[in-house]
């Protein structure tokens, strides 16, 4: 392998089999090629750009950016959300990572991208990317709401599921108390697919992003973005409305980690205004119950910039855990000099922007 020359190329639709193989190895499961295609927007160049590293004819590395239009003070900027970085473990001493990153930066510039951003749980990646033009803007904690605490503890300690489940009676009692949903505050509650609730959700997202650095959404993009997860699962949209007007929405998905822990993930939590906080709290309780009924051990949230989620989540029993997300931006000047983008509170960034667990 040491004498194999590494070459890089920008990916096109014909590279989907190679990309599927790389992402399957990264995720330690066989991803369905059609799910990968949809998650990557078919590699349409106005939606996503990707670069593949090759050793001979073997794909050994990948990086990508999703192209998004961000609000930025009085205007907009074309942005790239950095995602799907992976280098085959046999080639991690071959400088593949910096080669991929430099190719991505060059390609982004050529495409007119003005800013790139991402969130990573890997502090080493945050440090390494800082040497190549990125800057750390903020570090935020993950928030956890236990649903089956005894089974969760057992799985995290490495116990087989049958052993971790020995506390099922106590977990069931805890779950019954933890997932109680009081009567809704006069709202109509709906459980929808993202396609069914796209118009209402986009209206709430656009209102929430006003005045912040945030993605500009459309109904069509929302439907495609939340069409399918890379593991073939779906998303749910919980919607609270009153007198025909949307008051709050919660976007959720399930995620199974390699240690066997199933999580209900709160991707975004949206309220039309301060008066709708009760509606949003109610929807989060509904999300907890649905995750519990789907076999989840916990719900995950994120102390996300510009969302106000953390304060509400703590009132609903979420606690900070050791996991942290490092929020990175490019070029580094965005995070320096006191400009508008240098303040994390000027951004709105939720798990929905990220969606990798």
Protein backbone atom coordinates (compact mmCIF):
# COMPACT_ATOMS: atom_id res chain seq x y z
CA UNK A 1 0.00 0.00 0.00
CA UNK A 2 2.88 2.35 0.72
CA UNK A 3 3.81 2.50 -2.96
CA UNK A 4 0.26 3.08 -4.18
CA UNK A 5 -0.22 6.56 -5.52
CA UNK A 6 -3.18 8.41 -4.01
CA UNK A 7 -5.25 10.38 -6.50
CA UNK A 8 -8.31 12.53 -5.90
CA UNK A 9 -11.31 13.23 -8.07
CA UNK A 10 -14.55 15.12 -7.71
CA UNK A 11 -17.38 12.62 -7.53
CA UNK A 12 -20.22 12.26 -9.99
CA UNK A 13 -23.27 9.97 -10.15
CA UNK A 14 -21.09 7.17 -11.52
CA UNK A 15 -19.13 7.12 -8.27
CA UNK A 16 -22.15 6.22 -6.11
CA UNK A 17 -21.11 2.53 -5.79
CA UNK A 18 -17.68 3.56 -4.49
CA UNK A 19 -19.21 6.11 -2.10
CA UNK A 20 -21.75 3.57 -0.85
CA UNK A 21 -18.91 1.15 -0.12
CA UNK A 22 -16.97 3.80 1.82
CA UNK A 23 -19.99 4.92 3.86
CA UNK A 24 -20.93 1.29 4.59
CA UNK A 25 -17.45 0.67 5.96
CA UNK A 26 -17.63 3.87 8.00
CA UNK A 27 -21.05 2.99 9.42
CA UNK A 28 -20.20 -0.72 9.94
CA UNK A 29 -23.31 -1.86 8.06
CA UNK A 30 -24.41 -2.39 4.48
CA UNK A 31 -26.07 0.83 3.39
CA UNK A 32 -28.61 0.57 0.62
CA UNK A 33 -27.31 2.31 -2.54
CA UNK A 34 -30.68 3.95 -3.15
CA UNK A 35 -30.77 5.40 0.38
CA UNK A 36 -27.23 6.72 -0.08
CA UNK A 37 -28.21 8.26 -3.42
CA UNK A 38 -31.17 10.08 -1.89
CA UNK A 39 -29.22 11.27 1.16
CA UNK A 40 -26.56 12.67 -1.20
CA UNK A 41 -29.19 14.37 -3.40
CA UNK A 42 -28.12 12.17 -6.30
CA UNK A 43 -24.78 14.03 -6.32
CA UNK A 44 -26.53 16.88 -8.13
CA UNK A 45 -23.81 19.57 -8.29
CA UNK A 46 -26.11 22.39 -7.22
CA UNK A 47 -26.96 20.46 -4.02
CA UNK A 48 -23.83 18.53 -3.07
CA UNK A 49 -20.17 18.30 -4.03
CA UNK A 50 -18.03 15.32 -3.03
CA UNK A 51 -14.42 14.26 -3.48
CA UNK A 52 -13.10 10.70 -3.45
CA UNK A 53 -9.54 9.57 -2.76
CA UNK A 54 -8.38 6.52 -4.71
CA UNK A 55 -5.50 4.10 -4.28
CA UNK A 56 -5.37 2.58 -7.73
CA UNK A 57 -8.98 1.64 -8.44
CA UNK A 58 -9.86 1.31 -4.75
CA UNK A 59 -11.78 4.14 -3.05
CA UNK A 60 -10.07 4.97 0.24
CA UNK A 61 -11.42 8.34 1.32
CA UNK A 62 -14.36 10.70 1.01
CA UNK A 63 -15.44 14.20 1.92
CA UNK A 64 -18.45 16.26 0.85
CA UNK A 65 -20.27 19.55 1.26
CA UNK A 66 -24.00 20.16 1.04
CA UNK A 67 -24.60 23.47 -0.72
CA UNK A 68 -26.96 25.75 1.21
CA UNK A 69 -27.96 29.38 1.02
CA UNK A 70 -27.53 31.12 4.42
CA UNK A 71 -29.01 34.37 5.65
CA UNK A 72 -26.22 36.69 6.64
CA UNK A 73 -27.23 40.04 8.11
CA UNK A 74 -29.00 41.89 5.30
CA UNK A 75 -27.94 39.49 2.56
CA UNK A 76 -27.22 35.84 1.85
CA UNK A 77 -24.13 33.72 1.32
CA UNK A 78 -23.60 30.45 -0.49
CA UNK A 79 -22.41 27.96 2.11
CA UNK A 80 -21.17 24.41 2.22
CA UNK A 81 -22.05 22.13 5.12
CA UNK A 82 -19.07 19.77 5.50
CA UNK A 83 -20.14 16.14 5.94
CA UNK A 84 -19.30 12.48 5.27
CA UNK A 85 -15.58 12.69 5.95
CA UNK A 86 -14.10 9.21 6.01
CA UNK A 87 -10.64 7.75 5.40
CA UNK A 88 -10.11 3.99 5.22
CA UNK A 89 -8.18 2.90 8.29
CA UNK A 90 -5.40 1.34 6.18
CA UNK A 91 -4.64 4.74 4.64
CA UNK A 92 -4.75 7.10 7.60
CA UNK A 93 -0.98 7.46 7.65
CA UNK A 94 -0.87 8.46 3.98
CA UNK A 95 -1.94 12.14 4.33
CA UNK A 96 -5.29 11.36 2.71
CA UNK A 97 -7.18 13.63 5.12
CA UNK A 98 -5.31 16.85 4.28
CA UNK A 99 -5.41 15.96 0.58
CA UNK A 100 -9.19 15.60 0.74
CA UNK A 101 -9.63 18.77 2.75
CA UNK A 102 -7.48 20.86 0.42
CA UNK A 103 -9.34 19.48 -2.60
CA UNK A 104 -12.64 20.36 -0.92
CA UNK A 105 -11.49 23.91 -0.17
CA UNK A 106 -10.30 24.42 -3.75
CA UNK A 107 -13.52 22.96 -5.14
CA UNK A 108 -15.67 25.04 -2.82
CA UNK A 109 -13.92 28.24 -3.85
CA UNK A 110 -14.36 27.35 -7.52
CA UNK A 111 -18.08 26.76 -6.90
CA UNK A 112 -18.47 30.21 -5.32
CA UNK A 113 -18.85 28.96 -1.75
CA UNK A 114 -18.20 31.81 0.67
CA UNK A 115 -18.35 29.95 3.97
CA UNK A 116 -18.20 26.31 5.12
CA UNK A 117 -19.26 24.99 8.49
CA UNK A 118 -19.70 21.73 10.35
CA UNK A 119 -20.05 20.14 13.79
CA UNK A 120 -17.92 17.23 14.95
CA UNK A 121 -17.60 15.19 18.13
CA UNK A 122 -13.92 14.53 17.36
CA UNK A 123 -11.61 17.08 19.01
CA UNK A 124 -8.71 15.75 16.93
CA UNK A 125 -10.54 16.65 13.74
CA UNK A 126 -11.21 20.14 15.07
CA UNK A 127 -7.50 20.57 15.77
CA UNK A 128 -6.33 19.12 12.46
CA UNK A 129 -8.76 21.12 10.34
CA UNK A 130 -7.63 24.33 12.07
CA UNK A 131 -4.26 23.84 10.40
CA UNK A 132 -5.99 23.84 7.01
CA UNK A 133 -8.07 26.99 7.21
CA UNK A 134 -10.98 26.15 9.54
CA UNK A 135 -11.52 27.74 12.95
CA UNK A 136 -13.31 26.61 16.09
CA UNK A 137 -16.30 28.86 16.70
CA UNK A 138 -17.96 27.15 19.67
CA UNK A 139 -18.18 23.92 21.66
CA UNK A 140 -21.61 22.77 22.83
CA UNK A 141 -22.76 19.83 24.94
CA UNK A 142 -25.14 17.06 24.01
CA UNK A 143 -28.27 16.80 26.19
CA UNK A 144 -29.70 13.42 27.21
CA UNK A 145 -33.12 12.44 28.53
CA UNK A 146 -33.13 8.84 29.87
CA UNK A 147 -36.14 6.68 29.04
CA UNK A 148 -34.85 3.27 30.20
CA UNK A 149 -31.97 4.17 32.53
CA UNK A 150 -31.06 0.67 33.73
CA UNK A 151 -30.89 -0.85 30.26
CA UNK A 152 -29.03 2.23 29.05
CA UNK A 153 -26.41 1.85 31.78
CA UNK A 154 -25.98 -1.85 31.01
CA UNK A 155 -25.51 -1.30 27.29
CA UNK A 156 -23.05 1.52 27.85
CA UNK A 157 -21.02 -0.82 30.09
CA UNK A 158 -20.92 -3.38 27.31
CA UNK A 159 -23.44 -5.88 28.67
CA UNK A 160 -25.43 -7.99 26.19
CA UNK A 161 -28.95 -6.70 25.67
CA UNK A 162 -30.51 -9.68 27.51
CA UNK A 163 -28.40 -8.85 30.58
CA UNK A 164 -28.94 -5.11 30.26
CA UNK A 165 -32.68 -5.77 30.14
CA UNK A 166 -32.86 -7.48 33.55
CA UNK A 167 -34.05 -4.22 35.07
CA UNK A 168 -37.02 -4.11 32.69
CA UNK A 169 -39.70 -3.85 35.43
CA UNK A 170 -38.02 -0.80 36.97
CA UNK A 171 -37.32 0.67 33.53
CA UNK A 172 -40.99 0.22 32.67
CA UNK A 173 -42.03 2.09 35.81
CA UNK A 174 -39.54 4.87 35.09
CA UNK A 175 -40.66 5.00 31.47
CA UNK A 176 -44.32 5.22 32.40
CA UNK A 177 -43.57 8.23 34.59
CA UNK A 178 -41.03 9.80 32.22
CA UNK A 179 -43.23 9.61 29.13
CA UNK A 180 -46.52 10.80 30.57
CA UNK A 181 -48.14 13.31 28.24
CA UNK A 182 -50.61 15.71 29.85
CA UNK A 183 -53.67 16.80 27.95
CA UNK A 184 -52.69 19.14 25.11
CA UNK A 185 -53.20 22.86 25.78
CA UNK A 186 -56.08 23.25 23.32
CA UNK A 187 -53.91 22.26 20.36
CA UNK A 188 -54.45 19.85 17.53
CA UNK A 189 -51.54 17.38 17.62
CA UNK A 190 -50.53 15.58 14.43
CA UNK A 191 -47.85 12.99 13.70
CA UNK A 192 -46.83 13.54 10.08
CA UNK A 193 -44.20 12.63 7.57
CA UNK A 194 -41.99 15.61 6.70
CA UNK A 195 -43.56 15.68 3.24
CA UNK A 196 -47.03 16.01 4.75
CA UNK A 197 -46.06 18.85 7.07
CA UNK A 198 -43.46 20.61 4.93
CA UNK A 199 -45.29 23.92 4.48
CA UNK A 200 -45.99 24.39 8.19
CA UNK A 201 -42.50 23.30 9.24
CA UNK A 202 -40.77 25.56 6.71
CA UNK A 203 -42.81 28.55 7.88
CA UNK A 204 -41.66 27.91 11.45
CA UNK A 205 -38.04 27.33 10.39
CA UNK A 206 -37.97 30.55 8.39
CA UNK A 207 -39.37 32.50 11.34
CA UNK A 208 -36.88 30.93 13.74
CA UNK A 209 -33.95 31.78 11.46
CA UNK A 210 -34.89 35.42 10.96
CA UNK A 211 -32.07 37.73 12.08
CA UNK A 212 -29.57 34.88 12.48
CA UNK A 213 -27.09 33.12 10.24
CA UNK A 214 -29.35 30.27 9.21
CA UNK A 215 -30.35 28.13 6.28
CA UNK A 216 -33.01 29.43 3.90
CA UNK A 217 -35.58 26.68 3.47
CA UNK A 218 -38.11 25.86 0.78
CA UNK A 219 -40.88 23.26 0.84
CA UNK A 220 -39.19 21.28 -1.92
CA UNK A 221 -35.81 21.24 -0.20
CA UNK A 222 -37.37 20.30 3.14
CA UNK A 223 -39.10 17.30 1.55
CA UNK A 224 -35.87 16.07 -0.02
CA UNK A 225 -33.75 16.77 3.03
CA UNK A 226 -36.01 14.68 5.27
CA UNK A 227 -36.90 12.00 2.74
CA UNK A 228 -34.84 9.17 4.26
CA UNK A 229 -31.92 8.59 6.63
CA UNK A 230 -28.78 6.88 5.41
CA UNK A 231 -29.77 3.72 7.31
CA UNK A 232 -33.12 3.60 5.52
CA UNK A 233 -35.24 4.85 8.40
CA UNK A 234 -37.59 7.78 8.21
CA UNK A 235 -38.20 11.05 10.00
CA UNK A 236 -41.25 12.17 11.94
CA UNK A 237 -42.74 15.61 12.17
CA UNK A 238 -44.86 16.38 15.23
CA UNK A 239 -47.05 19.42 14.66
CA UNK A 240 -49.20 21.43 17.08
CA UNK A 241 -51.74 23.82 15.58
CA UNK A 242 -54.61 25.94 16.84
CA UNK A 243 -57.33 27.60 14.78
CA UNK A 244 -55.61 26.36 11.62
CA UNK A 245 -52.24 27.99 12.44
CA UNK A 246 -49.05 26.05 13.25
CA UNK A 247 -47.83 26.85 16.75
CA UNK A 248 -44.97 24.38 17.24
CA UNK A 249 -43.16 21.53 15.52
CA UNK A 250 -40.60 18.88 16.47
CA UNK A 251 -38.56 16.94 13.90
CA UNK A 252 -37.35 13.54 15.15
CA UNK A 253 -35.68 10.34 14.07
CA UNK A 254 -34.42 7.13 15.66
CA UNK A 255 -30.74 6.29 15.67
CA UNK A 256 -29.09 2.98 16.62
CA UNK A 257 -25.50 3.25 17.75
CA UNK A 258 -22.95 0.45 17.53
CA UNK A 259 -23.20 -0.33 21.25
CA UNK A 260 -26.83 -1.29 20.77
CA UNK A 261 -28.27 1.89 22.27
CA UNK A 262 -31.32 3.22 20.47
CA UNK A 263 -31.87 6.96 20.69
CA UNK A 264 -34.75 9.19 19.83
CA UNK A 265 -33.08 12.27 18.38
CA UNK A 266 -34.66 15.72 18.58
CA UNK A 267 -33.43 17.24 15.34
CA UNK A 268 -35.22 20.55 15.78
CA UNK A 269 -37.81 22.07 18.08
CA UNK A 270 -39.70 25.10 16.80
CA UNK A 271 -42.22 27.46 18.36
CA UNK A 272 -44.08 30.20 16.51
CA UNK A 273 -43.58 32.65 19.41
CA UNK A 274 -43.09 32.78 23.17
CA UNK A 275 -46.78 32.06 23.73
CA UNK A 276 -46.34 28.69 22.00
CA UNK A 277 -43.74 27.42 24.50
CA UNK A 278 -46.36 25.25 26.19
CA UNK A 279 -47.26 23.69 22.83
CA UNK A 280 -43.60 22.94 22.13
CA UNK A 281 -43.08 21.37 25.56
CA UNK A 282 -46.11 19.18 24.92
CA UNK A 283 -44.72 18.04 21.56
CA UNK A 284 -41.40 17.13 23.16
CA UNK A 285 -43.24 14.93 25.67
CA UNK A 286 -45.03 13.28 22.76
CA UNK A 287 -41.63 12.69 21.12
CA UNK A 288 -40.34 11.06 24.32
CA UNK A 289 -43.33 8.75 24.44
CA UNK A 290 -43.01 7.75 20.78
CA UNK A 291 -39.29 7.06 21.18
CA UNK A 292 -39.99 4.93 24.25
CA UNK A 293 -42.66 2.97 22.40
CA UNK A 294 -40.14 2.37 19.59
CA UNK A 295 -37.73 0.76 22.08
CA UNK A 296 -35.37 3.69 22.68
CA UNK A 297 -33.28 3.92 25.83
CA UNK A 298 -32.96 7.71 25.66
CA UNK A 299 -33.66 10.91 23.78
CA UNK A 300 -30.85 13.15 22.58
CA UNK A 301 -30.88 16.89 22.10
CA UNK A 302 -28.29 19.56 21.49
CA UNK A 303 -27.40 22.82 23.20
CA UNK A 304 -27.70 24.36 19.78
CA UNK A 305 -26.73 27.95 18.94
CA UNK A 306 -29.69 30.21 18.34
CA UNK A 307 -32.44 27.72 19.19
CA UNK A 308 -33.20 28.19 22.89
CA UNK A 309 -33.66 24.41 23.10
CA UNK A 310 -31.37 23.81 26.07
CA UNK A 311 -33.36 25.83 28.61
CA UNK A 312 -36.62 24.09 27.72
CA UNK A 313 -34.97 20.68 27.56
CA UNK A 314 -33.54 21.00 31.07
CA UNK A 315 -37.02 21.71 32.41
CA UNK A 316 -38.13 18.46 30.77
CA UNK A 317 -35.45 16.32 32.40
CA UNK A 318 -32.54 16.56 29.96
CA UNK A 319 -29.04 16.65 31.41
CA UNK A 320 -25.67 17.53 29.91
CA UNK A 321 -23.43 14.56 29.10
CA UNK A 322 -19.75 14.24 28.32
CA UNK A 323 -20.21 14.35 24.53
CA UNK A 324 -19.49 17.70 22.94
CA UNK A 325 -19.87 19.04 19.45
CA UNK A 326 -17.17 21.35 18.09
CA UNK A 327 -18.61 23.91 15.68
CA UNK A 328 -16.12 24.75 12.93
CA UNK A 329 -16.21 27.44 10.24
CA UNK A 330 -14.18 28.31 7.15
CA UNK A 331 -12.48 30.57 6.35
CA UNK A 332 -10.97 31.13 9.77
CA UNK A 333 -11.56 34.87 9.42
CA UNK A 334 -15.29 34.25 9.96
CA UNK A 335 -14.56 33.38 13.59
CA UNK A 336 -12.12 36.23 14.14
CA UNK A 337 -12.12 39.98 14.18
CA UNK A 338 -15.47 40.57 15.85
CA UNK A 339 -17.50 40.23 12.66
CA UNK A 340 -21.13 39.12 12.64
CA UNK A 341 -20.23 35.46 12.08
CA UNK A 342 -17.75 35.37 14.97
CA UNK A 343 -20.50 35.31 17.61
CA UNK A 344 -21.99 31.79 17.99
CA UNK A 345 -25.25 33.34 19.21
CA UNK A 346 -25.69 34.97 15.81
CA UNK A 347 -26.01 31.50 14.26
CA UNK A 348 -28.93 29.10 14.28
CA UNK A 349 -27.59 25.57 14.07
CA UNK A 350 -29.62 22.53 15.15
CA UNK A 351 -29.24 18.77 14.86
CA UNK A 352 -31.35 19.04 11.70
CA UNK A 353 -28.39 20.80 10.06
CA UNK A 354 -26.09 17.99 11.14
CA UNK A 355 -27.88 14.62 11.40
CA UNK A 356 -24.95 12.25 12.03
CA UNK A 357 -25.03 10.26 15.22
